[in-house]
Protein backbone atom coordinates (compact mmCIF):
# COMPACT_ATOMS: atom_id res chain seq x y z
CA UNK A 1 -47.64 -18.46 49.52
CA UNK A 2 -48.07 -16.70 46.72
CA UNK A 3 -44.52 -17.56 45.31
CA UNK A 4 -45.33 -21.12 45.38
CA UNK A 5 -48.74 -20.58 43.57
CA UNK A 6 -46.78 -18.79 40.81
CA UNK A 7 -44.22 -21.67 40.64
CA UNK A 8 -47.16 -24.24 40.56
CA UNK A 9 -48.77 -22.32 37.71
CA UNK A 10 -45.50 -21.98 35.54
CA UNK A 11 -44.97 -25.86 35.96
CA UNK A 12 -48.44 -26.52 35.03
CA UNK A 13 -48.25 -24.17 31.89
CA UNK A 14 -44.90 -25.98 30.90
CA UNK A 15 -46.66 -29.21 30.88
CA UNK A 16 -49.42 -28.15 28.76
CA UNK A 17 -47.00 -27.01 25.90
CA UNK A 18 -45.73 -29.14 23.25
CA UNK A 19 -42.13 -30.47 23.65
CA UNK A 20 -40.45 -28.84 20.35
CA UNK A 21 -36.61 -28.43 20.24
CA UNK A 22 -35.70 -25.02 21.06
CA UNK A 23 -33.96 -23.28 18.07
CA UNK A 24 -30.41 -22.35 18.65
CA UNK A 25 -30.27 -18.55 18.85
CA UNK A 26 -27.44 -16.67 17.10
CA UNK A 27 -25.28 -14.62 19.54
CA UNK A 28 -26.41 -10.92 19.78
CA UNK A 29 -22.89 -10.03 21.15
CA UNK A 30 -20.83 -8.19 18.28
CA UNK A 31 -18.24 -10.12 17.07
CA UNK A 32 -14.70 -9.09 18.05
CA UNK A 33 -12.56 -8.66 14.71
CA UNK A 34 -8.94 -9.23 15.29
CA UNK A 35 -7.58 -6.52 12.92
CA UNK A 36 -3.87 -7.84 14.15
CA UNK A 37 -4.50 -11.07 12.17
CA UNK A 38 -5.45 -9.70 8.39
CA UNK A 39 -2.96 -10.32 5.61
CA UNK A 40 -3.92 -6.70 4.03
CA UNK A 41 -4.55 -4.26 6.93
CA UNK A 42 -4.66 -1.16 4.48
CA UNK A 43 -7.61 -2.76 2.62
CA UNK A 44 -9.08 -3.72 5.76
CA UNK A 45 -9.07 -0.64 7.19
CA UNK A 46 -10.79 0.76 4.13
CA UNK A 47 -13.64 -1.70 4.79
CA UNK A 48 -13.65 -0.84 8.46
CA UNK A 49 -13.96 3.20 7.58
CA UNK A 50 -16.75 2.22 5.38
CA UNK A 51 -18.65 0.38 8.33
CA UNK A 52 -17.99 3.17 10.47
CA UNK A 53 -15.18 1.41 12.68
CA UNK A 54 -12.93 4.11 13.20
CA UNK A 55 -11.11 2.67 16.10
CA UNK A 56 -10.34 -0.61 14.40
CA UNK A 57 -9.75 1.19 11.09
CA UNK A 58 -7.11 3.10 12.84
CA UNK A 59 -5.73 0.12 14.23
CA UNK A 60 -5.56 -1.76 10.94
CA UNK A 61 -3.96 1.68 9.19
CA UNK A 62 -1.25 1.85 12.28
CA UNK A 63 -0.52 -1.67 11.45
CA UNK A 64 -0.27 -1.18 7.90
CA UNK A 65 2.07 1.86 8.43
CA UNK A 66 4.28 0.31 10.96
CA UNK A 67 4.86 -2.62 9.08
CA UNK A 68 5.77 -0.52 5.77
CA UNK A 69 2.97 -1.86 3.66
CA UNK A 70 3.45 -0.43 0.10
CA UNK A 71 0.74 1.05 -1.76
CA UNK A 72 0.41 4.30 -3.87
CA UNK A 73 2.41 7.07 -2.52
CA UNK A 74 1.00 8.76 0.51
CA UNK A 75 -1.89 6.40 0.72
CA UNK A 76 -1.47 5.05 4.20
CA UNK A 77 -0.59 8.81 5.61
CA UNK A 78 -3.71 9.94 4.06
CA UNK A 79 -5.79 6.65 5.28
CA UNK A 80 -4.50 7.62 9.05
CA UNK A 81 -4.91 11.54 8.66
CA UNK A 82 -8.78 10.71 7.26
CA UNK A 83 -9.27 8.33 10.20
CA UNK A 84 -7.56 10.56 13.04
CA UNK A 85 -10.00 13.34 11.60
CA UNK A 86 -13.06 11.02 11.96
CA UNK A 87 -12.05 10.56 15.50
CA UNK A 88 -11.64 14.20 16.18
CA UNK A 89 -7.71 13.93 16.76
CA UNK A 90 -7.18 16.78 14.59
CA UNK A 91 -3.45 17.51 15.18
CA UNK A 92 -2.39 13.74 14.46
CA UNK A 93 -4.59 14.19 11.24
CA UNK A 94 -3.27 17.36 10.21
CA UNK A 95 0.54 15.71 10.55
CA UNK A 96 -0.54 12.81 8.59
CA UNK A 97 -2.34 14.73 5.90
CA UNK A 98 0.79 17.00 5.70
CA UNK A 99 2.79 13.96 5.09
CA UNK A 100 0.64 12.58 2.52
CA UNK A 101 0.48 15.82 0.50
CA UNK A 102 4.57 15.87 0.75
CA UNK A 103 4.59 12.28 -0.81
CA UNK A 104 1.64 12.62 -3.20
CA UNK A 105 1.52 16.44 -4.01
CA UNK A 106 -1.06 15.69 -6.86
CA UNK A 107 -3.34 14.09 -4.59
CA UNK A 108 -6.75 16.08 -4.88
CA UNK A 109 -8.34 13.89 -1.67
CA UNK A 110 -5.33 14.52 0.73
CA UNK A 111 -5.02 18.58 -0.40
CA UNK A 112 -8.89 18.51 0.50
CA UNK A 113 -8.61 16.47 3.35
CA UNK A 114 -5.70 18.76 4.99
CA UNK A 115 -8.12 21.79 4.15
CA UNK A 116 -10.92 20.49 6.11
CA UNK A 117 -8.68 19.46 9.22
CA UNK A 118 -7.22 23.08 8.72
CA UNK A 119 -10.53 24.52 8.81
CA UNK A 120 -11.84 22.55 11.73
CA UNK A 121 -8.54 23.98 13.60
CA UNK A 122 -9.33 27.27 12.64
CA UNK A 123 -6.29 27.67 10.44
CA UNK A 124 -8.04 29.49 7.53
CA UNK A 125 -5.13 30.32 5.57
CA UNK A 126 -3.88 26.57 5.50
CA UNK A 127 -7.46 25.52 4.68
CA UNK A 128 -7.53 28.20 1.83
CA UNK A 129 -4.45 27.09 0.27
CA UNK A 130 -5.01 23.24 0.66
CA UNK A 131 -8.65 23.83 -0.99
CA UNK A 132 -6.91 25.85 -3.67
CA UNK A 133 -4.50 23.28 -4.34
CA UNK A 134 -7.00 20.47 -4.62
CA UNK A 135 -9.22 22.60 -6.88
CA UNK A 136 -6.52 23.64 -9.05
CA UNK A 137 -5.19 19.94 -9.23
CA UNK A 138 -8.61 18.39 -10.45
CA UNK A 139 -9.13 21.24 -12.94
CA UNK A 140 -11.80 22.57 -11.36
CA UNK A 141 -13.69 19.03 -11.86
CA UNK A 142 -14.06 18.05 -8.23
CA UNK A 143 -17.35 19.37 -6.82
CA UNK A 144 -16.15 18.65 -3.08
CA UNK A 145 -12.90 20.74 -3.59
CA UNK A 146 -15.24 23.51 -5.30
CA UNK A 147 -17.96 23.51 -2.40
CA UNK A 148 -15.12 23.77 0.09
CA UNK A 149 -13.25 26.57 -1.52
CA UNK A 150 -16.35 28.46 -1.84
CA UNK A 151 -17.20 27.68 2.06
CA UNK A 152 -13.86 29.03 3.04
CA UNK A 153 -14.36 32.19 0.79
CA UNK A 154 -17.81 32.50 2.52
CA UNK A 155 -16.47 32.26 6.04
CA UNK A 156 -13.58 34.44 5.59
CA UNK A 157 -16.22 37.09 4.54
CA UNK A 158 -18.43 36.25 7.27
CA UNK A 159 -18.29 36.99 11.11
CA UNK A 160 -19.64 33.60 12.11
CA UNK A 161 -16.88 31.79 14.10
CA UNK A 162 -15.33 28.95 12.12
CA UNK A 163 -15.70 26.63 15.14
CA UNK A 164 -19.42 26.77 15.23
CA UNK A 165 -19.64 25.38 11.32
CA UNK A 166 -16.37 23.55 10.83
CA UNK A 167 -17.36 20.35 13.04
CA UNK A 168 -21.07 20.19 12.19
CA UNK A 169 -20.66 19.84 8.27
CA UNK A 170 -17.75 17.25 8.28
CA UNK A 171 -18.72 14.20 6.64
CA UNK A 172 -16.75 11.20 5.14
CA UNK A 173 -17.10 10.73 1.33
CA UNK A 174 -15.98 7.72 -0.57
CA UNK A 175 -13.92 7.92 -3.49
CA UNK A 176 -13.35 5.10 -5.66
CA UNK A 177 -12.22 1.81 -4.00
CA UNK A 178 -11.20 2.39 -0.43
CA UNK A 179 -10.27 6.14 -1.12
CA UNK A 180 -11.92 8.80 1.31
CA UNK A 181 -12.25 12.50 1.24
CA UNK A 182 -13.41 14.82 3.85
CA UNK A 183 -15.54 17.32 3.05
CA UNK A 184 -19.38 18.80 2.75
CA UNK A 185 -22.27 16.47 1.56
CA UNK A 186 -23.71 13.25 1.78
CA UNK A 187 -21.74 10.34 2.50
CA UNK A 188 -21.70 7.53 -0.22
């Protein structure tokens, strides 16, 4: 009986309201982005990184890598290393970043990223070498490389386990158009 009364009340309320057209509702479901259909997967990957869509960025960078897309030497490998680091896949990140520094030995960003990944893996010797190289290549002008080098020196002097600090301060910093660099500091 109570259910019937509620139904009658709803019908009466509907009859009292003006009959205006119902506005079209936009879908609140996220749009699926098909990275397999883009013309420039490398540029798309950088845009997805900026948007925090790391799995899609990985897919785009992997497509660029597999298709042999050209760009500055080591750029695709550095991007794959950075996105893998963001996803916590440190071994893959280190492997790609090592390829990137082999292909582009003057890349401050690739050396710095390799240092951050090595530090996260508790490989202090590799981290120190990578940070020193990044700092030297920038002629001491790269503040992130300087801060990371100071951090590794501080950690080597402390008894604080690296694993307690290495993962918490990892941030992604955008450098220029589409280049990313892992290190301490605020994300831009």
